[in-house]
Amino acid sequence: MELAEKYDATSQNLFSITGIDVDSEAICRAKNGIFGRRSFRNLEDSLKKRYFEKVDKNNYRLRRVIKDQRSR
C-alpha cells in the first residue's frame, strides 16, 4: 500500500508481493485477500477504505488494485 501511495498506478510494474507463514490457513486467507478487523489496528482509516472492502461484520477483502500485485 505504501508503494501504491507513492507511485500510483506505476507501482504495479515496480514490485510484486510474496508472503510466507508456517500457518497454512493464514496463507489461504492471504491468497484470498481476506483480513480480520484486528489486522487494521495500526492502519489509518483512509488507507483501509482505499485498499479494502468490507466483506462482513469482521472481515475485509483486499481490493483488486493491490491483490493483483501478489506473486502467484
PDB file of N, CA and C in Angstrom:
ATOM      1  N   MET A   1       0.825  -1.175   0.000  1.00  0.00           N
ATOM      2  CA  MET A   1       0.000   0.000   0.000  1.00  0.00           C
ATOM      3  C   MET A   1       0.877   1.249   0.000  1.00  0.00           C
ATOM      4  N   GLU A   2       1.982   1.177   0.729  1.00  0.00           N
ATOM      5  CA  GLU A   2       2.873   2.338   0.770  1.00  0.00           C
ATOM      6  C   GLU A   2       3.429   2.657  -0.615  1.00  0.00           C
ATOM      7  N   LEU A   3       3.855   1.626  -1.359  1.00  0.00           N
ATOM      8  CA  LEU A   3       4.369   1.853  -2.705  1.00  0.00           C
ATOM      9  C   LEU A   3       3.274   2.348  -3.643  1.00  0.00           C
ATOM     10  N   ALA A   4       2.068   1.806  -3.508  1.00  0.00           N
ATOM     11  CA  ALA A   4       0.952   2.274  -4.328  1.00  0.00           C
ATOM     12  C   ALA A   4       0.641   3.734  -4.023  1.00  0.00           C
ATOM     13  N   GLU A   5       0.732   4.113  -2.765  1.00  0.00           N
ATOM     14  CA  GLU A   5       0.514   5.510  -2.384  1.00  0.00           C
ATOM     15  C   GLU A   5       1.564   6.415  -3.024  1.00  0.00           C
ATOM     16  N   LYS A   6       2.799   5.964  -3.037  1.00  0.00           N
ATOM     17  CA  LYS A   6       3.899   6.792  -3.550  1.00  0.00           C
ATOM     18  C   LYS A   6       3.947   6.841  -5.077  1.00  0.00           C
ATOM     19  N   TYR A   7       3.720   5.674  -5.735  1.00  0.00           N
ATOM     20  CA  TYR A   7       3.920   5.593  -7.177  1.00  0.00           C
ATOM     21  C   TYR A   7       2.638   5.448  -7.985  1.00  0.00           C
ATOM     22  N   ASP A   8       1.494   5.456  -7.352  1.00  0.00           N
ATOM     23  CA  ASP A   8       0.192   5.315  -8.023  1.00  0.00           C
ATOM     24  C   ASP A   8       0.155   4.078  -8.912  1.00  0.00           C
ATOM     25  N   ALA A   9      -0.423   4.207 -10.103  1.00  0.00           N
ATOM     26  CA  ALA A   9      -0.626   3.064 -10.986  1.00  0.00           C
ATOM     27  C   ALA A   9       0.683   2.430 -11.447  1.00  0.00           C
ATOM     28  N   THR A  10       1.757   3.196 -11.497  1.00  0.00           N
ATOM     29  CA  THR A  10       3.035   2.632 -11.961  1.00  0.00           C
ATOM     30  C   THR A  10       3.605   1.621 -10.982  1.00  0.00           C
ATOM     31  N   SER A  11       3.105   1.600  -9.755  1.00  0.00           N
ATOM     32  CA  SER A  11       3.619   0.651  -8.760  1.00  0.00           C
ATOM     33  C   SER A  11       3.391  -0.790  -9.190  1.00  0.00           C
ATOM     34  N   GLN A  12       2.386  -1.043 -10.018  1.00  0.00           N
ATOM     35  CA  GLN A  12       2.109  -2.406 -10.470  1.00  0.00           C
ATOM     36  C   GLN A  12       3.263  -2.980 -11.274  1.00  0.00           C
ATOM     37  N   ASN A  13       4.047  -2.130 -11.898  1.00  0.00           N
ATOM     38  CA  ASN A  13       5.191  -2.584 -12.689  1.00  0.00           C
ATOM     39  C   ASN A  13       6.484  -2.604 -11.883  1.00  0.00           C
ATOM     40  N   LEU A  14       6.451  -2.124 -10.657  1.00  0.00           N
ATOM     41  CA  LEU A  14       7.660  -1.987  -9.857  1.00  0.00           C
ATOM     42  C   LEU A  14       7.909  -3.135  -8.895  1.00  0.00           C
ATOM     43  N   PHE A  15       6.856  -3.824  -8.465  1.00  0.00           N
ATOM     44  CA  PHE A  15       7.039  -4.851  -7.453  1.00  0.00           C
ATOM     45  C   PHE A  15       5.912  -5.867  -7.482  1.00  0.00           C
ATOM     46  N   SER A  16       6.154  -6.996  -6.836  1.00  0.00           N
ATOM     47  CA  SER A  16       5.109  -7.987  -6.580  1.00  0.00           C
ATOM     48  C   SER A  16       5.203  -8.346  -5.098  1.00  0.00           C
ATOM     49  N   ILE A  17       4.145  -8.937  -4.583  1.00  0.00           N
ATOM     50  CA  ILE A  17       4.065  -9.256  -3.162  1.00  0.00           C
ATOM     51  C   ILE A  17       4.234 -10.759  -2.976  1.00  0.00           C
ATOM     52  N   THR A  18       5.147 -11.141  -2.094  1.00  0.00           N
ATOM     53  CA  THR A  18       5.354 -12.539  -1.748  1.00  0.00           C
ATOM     54  C   THR A  18       5.200 -12.678  -0.245  1.00  0.00           C
ATOM     55  N   GLY A  19       4.442 -13.660   0.203  1.00  0.00           N
ATOM     56  CA  GLY A  19       4.245 -13.855   1.641  1.00  0.00           C
ATOM     57  C   GLY A  19       4.492 -15.297   2.030  1.00  0.00           C
ATOM     58  N   ILE A  20       4.993 -15.482   3.245  1.00  0.00           N
ATOM     59  CA  ILE A  20       5.191 -16.820   3.783  1.00  0.00           C
ATOM     60  C   ILE A  20       4.670 -16.870   5.212  1.00  0.00           C
ATOM     61  N   ASP A  21       4.273 -18.059   5.637  1.00  0.00           N
ATOM     62  CA  ASP A  21       3.795 -18.256   7.001  1.00  0.00           C
ATOM     63  C   ASP A  21       3.802 -19.747   7.279  1.00  0.00           C
ATOM     64  N   VAL A  22       4.051 -20.141   8.500  1.00  0.00           N
ATOM     65  CA  VAL A  22       4.003 -21.559   8.853  1.00  0.00           C
ATOM     66  C   VAL A  22       2.565 -22.053   8.971  1.00  0.00           C
ATOM     67  N   ASP A  23       1.630 -21.151   9.107  1.00  0.00           N
ATOM     68  CA  ASP A  23       0.211 -21.482   9.245  1.00  0.00           C
ATOM     69  C   ASP A  23      -0.433 -21.524   7.857  1.00  0.00           C
ATOM     70  N   SER A  24      -0.758 -22.711   7.368  1.00  0.00           N
ATOM     71  CA  SER A  24      -1.332 -22.858   6.028  1.00  0.00           C
ATOM     72  C   SER A  24      -2.683 -22.143   5.903  1.00  0.00           C
ATOM     73  N   GLU A  25      -3.429 -22.064   7.004  1.00  0.00           N
ATOM     74  CA  GLU A  25      -4.707 -21.354   6.972  1.00  0.00           C
ATOM     75  C   GLU A  25      -4.484 -19.856   6.763  1.00  0.00           C
ATOM     76  N   ALA A  26      -3.441 -19.320   7.375  1.00  0.00           N
ATOM     77  CA  ALA A  26      -3.107 -17.903   7.193  1.00  0.00           C
ATOM     78  C   ALA A  26      -2.730 -17.627   5.743  1.00  0.00           C
ATOM     79  N   ILE A  27      -1.992 -18.547   5.136  1.00  0.00           N
ATOM     80  CA  ILE A  27      -1.619 -18.397   3.726  1.00  0.00           C
ATOM     81  C   ILE A  27      -2.867 -18.416   2.848  1.00  0.00           C
ATOM     82  N   CYS A  28      -3.789 -19.290   3.136  1.00  0.00           N
ATOM     83  CA  CYS A  28      -5.030 -19.381   2.371  1.00  0.00           C
ATOM     84  C   CYS A  28      -5.814 -18.069   2.457  1.00  0.00           C
ATOM     85  N   ARG A  29      -5.948 -17.534   3.659  1.00  0.00           N
ATOM     86  CA  ARG A  29      -6.659 -16.257   3.832  1.00  0.00           C
ATOM     87  C   ARG A  29      -5.947 -15.144   3.082  1.00  0.00           C
ATOM     88  N   ALA A  30      -4.624 -15.124   3.151  1.00  0.00           N
ATOM     89  CA  ALA A  30      -3.861 -14.089   2.468  1.00  0.00           C
ATOM     90  C   ALA A  30      -4.010 -14.202   0.951  1.00  0.00           C
ATOM     91  N   LYS A  31      -3.982 -15.422   0.426  1.00  0.00           N
ATOM     92  CA  LYS A  31      -4.173 -15.614  -1.015  1.00  0.00           C
ATOM     93  C   LYS A  31      -5.533 -15.094  -1.457  1.00  0.00           C
ATOM     94  N   ASN A  32      -6.521 -15.257  -0.607  1.00  0.00           N
ATOM     95  CA  ASN A  32      -7.862 -14.756  -0.913  1.00  0.00           C
ATOM     96  C   ASN A  32      -8.008 -13.272  -0.602  1.00  0.00           C
ATOM     97  N   GLY A  33      -7.009 -12.698   0.037  1.00  0.00           N
ATOM     98  CA  GLY A  33      -7.042 -11.274   0.356  1.00  0.00           C
ATOM     99  C   GLY A  33      -8.021 -10.931   1.455  1.00  0.00           C
ATOM    100  N   ILE A  34      -8.314 -11.889   2.352  1.00  0.00           N
ATOM    101  CA  ILE A  34      -9.275 -11.657   3.434  1.00  0.00           C
ATOM    102  C   ILE A  34      -8.523 -11.428   4.742  1.00  0.00           C
ATOM    103  N   PHE A  35      -8.893 -10.354   5.431  1.00  0.00           N
ATOM    104  CA  PHE A  35      -8.236  -9.996   6.683  1.00  0.00           C
ATOM    105  C   PHE A  35      -9.287  -9.613   7.714  1.00  0.00           C
ATOM    106  N   GLY A  36      -9.055 -10.016   8.955  1.00  0.00           N
ATOM    107  CA  GLY A  36      -9.959  -9.687  10.047  1.00  0.00           C
ATOM    108  C   GLY A  36      -9.759  -8.265  10.545  1.00  0.00           C
ATOM    109  N   ARG A  37     -10.728  -7.799  11.323  1.00  0.00           N
ATOM    110  CA  ARG A  37     -10.689  -6.431  11.876  1.00  0.00           C
ATOM    111  C   ARG A  37      -9.390  -6.116  12.586  1.00  0.00           C
ATOM    112  N   ARG A  38      -8.882  -7.081  13.330  1.00  0.00           N
ATOM    113  CA  ARG A  38      -7.670  -6.837  14.134  1.00  0.00           C
ATOM    114  C   ARG A  38      -6.444  -6.546  13.276  1.00  0.00           C
ATOM    115  N   SER A  39      -6.484  -6.938  12.020  1.00  0.00           N
ATOM    116  CA  SER A  39      -5.359  -6.676  11.119  1.00  0.00           C
ATOM    117  C   SER A  39      -5.164  -5.185  10.879  1.00  0.00           C
ATOM    118  N   PHE A  40      -6.173  -4.396  11.199  1.00  0.00           N
ATOM    119  CA  PHE A  40      -6.142  -2.967  10.872  1.00  0.00           C
ATOM    120  C   PHE A  40      -5.947  -2.061  12.078  1.00  0.00           C
ATOM    121  N   ARG A  41      -5.558  -2.626  13.194  1.00  0.00           N
ATOM    122  CA  ARG A  41      -5.477  -1.802  14.404  1.00  0.00           C
ATOM    123  C   ARG A  41      -4.436  -0.691  14.307  1.00  0.00           C
ATOM    124  N   ASN A  42      -3.462  -0.792  13.397  1.00  0.00           N
ATOM    125  CA  ASN A  42      -2.449   0.260  13.237  1.00  0.00           C
ATOM    126  C   ASN A  42      -2.507   0.922  11.865  1.00  0.00           C
ATOM    127  N   LEU A  43      -3.597   0.731  11.149  1.00  0.00           N
ATOM    128  CA  LEU A  43      -3.733   1.289   9.809  1.00  0.00           C
ATOM    129  C   LEU A  43      -4.706   2.454   9.828  1.00  0.00           C
ATOM    130  N   GLU A  44      -4.334   3.522   9.160  1.00  0.00           N
ATOM    131  CA  GLU A  44      -5.206   4.689   9.082  1.00  0.00           C
ATOM    132  C   GLU A  44      -6.509   4.311   8.377  1.00  0.00           C
ATOM    133  N   ASP A  45      -7.613   4.854   8.846  1.00  0.00           N
ATOM    134  CA  ASP A  45      -8.919   4.561   8.248  1.00  0.00           C
ATOM    135  C   ASP A  45      -8.953   4.900   6.760  1.00  0.00           C
ATOM    136  N   SER A  46      -8.303   5.992   6.366  1.00  0.00           N
ATOM    137  CA  SER A  46      -8.315   6.381   4.953  1.00  0.00           C
ATOM    138  C   SER A  46      -7.680   5.307   4.076  1.00  0.00           C
ATOM    139  N   LEU A  47      -6.610   4.667   4.552  1.00  0.00           N
ATOM    140  CA  LEU A  47      -5.968   3.593   3.789  1.00  0.00           C
ATOM    141  C   LEU A  47      -6.835   2.344   3.764  1.00  0.00           C
ATOM    142  N   LYS A  48      -7.471   2.046   4.883  1.00  0.00           N
ATOM    143  CA  LYS A  48      -8.373   0.887   4.932  1.00  0.00           C
ATOM    144  C   LYS A  48      -9.503   1.066   3.926  1.00  0.00           C
ATOM    145  N   LYS A  49     -10.075   2.248   3.866  1.00  0.00           N
ATOM    146  CA  LYS A  49     -11.181   2.496   2.941  1.00  0.00           C
ATOM    147  C   LYS A  49     -10.717   2.461   1.492  1.00  0.00           C
ATOM    148  N   ARG A  50      -9.506   2.899   1.240  1.00  0.00           N
ATOM    149  CA  ARG A  50      -8.989   2.940  -0.128  1.00  0.00           C
ATOM    150  C   ARG A  50      -8.619   1.553  -0.653  1.00  0.00           C
ATOM    151  N   TYR A  51      -8.064   0.695   0.196  1.00  0.00           N
ATOM    152  CA  TYR A  51      -7.490  -0.561  -0.274  1.00  0.00           C
ATOM    153  C   TYR A  51      -8.256  -1.823   0.130  1.00  0.00           C
ATOM    154  N   PHE A  52      -9.295  -1.673   0.947  1.00  0.00           N
ATOM    155  CA  PHE A  52     -10.054  -2.833   1.403  1.00  0.00           C
ATOM    156  C   PHE A  52     -11.545  -2.573   1.291  1.00  0.00           C
ATOM    157  N   GLU A  53     -12.302  -3.655   1.086  1.00  0.00           N
ATOM    158  CA  GLU A  53     -13.755  -3.557   1.081  1.00  0.00           C
ATOM    159  C   GLU A  53     -14.304  -4.500   2.142  1.00  0.00           C
ATOM    160  N   LYS A  54     -15.332  -4.061   2.826  1.00  0.00           N
ATOM    161  CA  LYS A  54     -15.914  -4.859   3.901  1.00  0.00           C
ATOM    162  C   LYS A  54     -16.653  -6.055   3.313  1.00  0.00           C
ATOM    163  N   VAL A  55     -16.362  -7.239   3.849  1.00  0.00           N
ATOM    164  CA  VAL A  55     -17.000  -8.472   3.398  1.00  0.00           C
ATOM    165  C   VAL A  55     -18.167  -8.827   4.306  1.00  0.00           C
ATOM    166  N   ASP A  56     -17.936  -8.718   5.597  1.00  0.00           N
ATOM    167  CA  ASP A  56     -18.968  -8.976   6.596  1.00  0.00           C
ATOM    168  C   ASP A  56     -18.593  -8.199   7.857  1.00  0.00           C
ATOM    169  N   LYS A  57     -19.244  -8.506   8.952  1.00  0.00           N
ATOM    170  CA  LYS A  57     -19.047  -7.747  10.192  1.00  0.00           C
ATOM    171  C   LYS A  57     -17.585  -7.710  10.647  1.00  0.00           C
ATOM    172  N   ASN A  58     -16.846  -8.799  10.440  1.00  0.00           N
ATOM    173  CA  ASN A  58     -15.493  -8.898  10.987  1.00  0.00           C
ATOM    174  C   ASN A  58     -14.372  -9.004   9.968  1.00  0.00           C
ATOM    175  N   ASN A  59     -14.686  -9.022   8.668  1.00  0.00           N
ATOM    176  CA  ASN A  59     -13.659  -9.263   7.660  1.00  0.00           C
ATOM    177  C   ASN A  59     -13.675  -8.253   6.528  1.00  0.00           C
ATOM    178  N   TYR A  60     -12.479  -8.056   5.974  1.00  0.00           N
ATOM    179  CA  TYR A  60     -12.291  -7.156   4.845  1.00  0.00           C
ATOM    180  C   TYR A  60     -11.517  -7.877   3.761  1.00  0.00           C
ATOM    181  N   ARG A  61     -11.772  -7.502   2.510  1.00  0.00           N
ATOM    182  CA  ARG A  61     -11.084  -8.091   1.367  1.00  0.00           C
ATOM    183  C   ARG A  61     -10.209  -7.009   0.723  1.00  0.00           C
ATOM    184  N   LEU A  62      -8.999  -7.392   0.397  1.00  0.00           N
ATOM    185  CA  LEU A  62      -8.072  -6.508  -0.288  1.00  0.00           C
ATOM    186  C   LEU A  62      -8.618  -6.189  -1.673  1.00  0.00           C
ATOM    187  N   ARG A  63      -8.636  -4.920  -2.014  1.00  0.00           N
ATOM    188  CA  ARG A  63      -9.149  -4.539  -3.328  1.00  0.00           C
ATOM    189  C   ARG A  63      -8.205  -5.042  -4.420  1.00  0.00           C
ATOM    190  N   ARG A  64      -8.748  -5.240  -5.570  1.00  0.00           N
ATOM    191  CA  ARG A  64      -8.025  -5.840  -6.695  1.00  0.00           C
ATOM    192  C   ARG A  64      -6.744  -5.071  -7.052  1.00  0.00           C
ATOM    193  N   VAL A  65      -6.743  -3.765  -6.910  1.00  0.00           N
ATOM    194  CA  VAL A  65      -5.582  -2.957  -7.294  1.00  0.00           C
ATOM    195  C   VAL A  65      -4.303  -3.425  -6.594  1.00  0.00           C
ATOM    196  N   ILE A  66      -4.402  -3.889  -5.372  1.00  0.00           N
ATOM    197  CA  ILE A  66      -3.245  -4.402  -4.637  1.00  0.00           C
ATOM    198  C   ILE A  66      -3.156  -5.921  -4.778  1.00  0.00           C
ATOM    199  N   LYS A  67      -4.278  -6.593  -4.708  1.00  0.00           N
ATOM    200  CA  LYS A  67      -4.285  -8.053  -4.774  1.00  0.00           C
ATOM    201  C   LYS A  67      -3.628  -8.573  -6.042  1.00  0.00           C
ATOM    202  N   ASP A  68      -3.811  -7.870  -7.154  1.00  0.00           N
ATOM    203  CA  ASP A  68      -3.237  -8.306  -8.422  1.00  0.00           C
ATOM    204  C   ASP A  68      -1.712  -8.220  -8.439  1.00  0.00           C
ATOM    205  N   GLN A  69      -1.114  -7.551  -7.475  1.00  0.00           N
ATOM    206  CA  GLN A  69       0.332  -7.411  -7.437  1.00  0.00           C
ATOM    207  C   GLN A  69       1.029  -8.547  -6.685  1.00  0.00           C
ATOM    208  N   ARG A  70       0.266  -9.429  -6.051  1.00  0.00           N
ATOM    209  CA  ARG A  70       0.894 -10.517  -5.313  1.00  0.00           C
ATOM    210  C   ARG A  70       1.477 -11.519  -6.274  1.00  0.00           C
ATOM    211  N   SER A  71       2.522 -12.192  -5.856  1.00  0.00           N
ATOM    212  CA  SER A  71       3.121 -13.235  -6.694  1.00  0.00           C
ATOM    213  C   SER A  71       2.210 -14.444  -6.696  1.00  0.00           C
ATOM    214  N   ARG A  72       2.274 -15.246  -7.716  1.00  0.00           N
ATOM    215  CA  ARG A  72       1.386 -16.400  -7.837  1.00  0.00           C
ATOM    216  C   ARG A  72       2.127 -17.680  -7.675  1.00  0.00           C
TER     217      ARG A  72
END
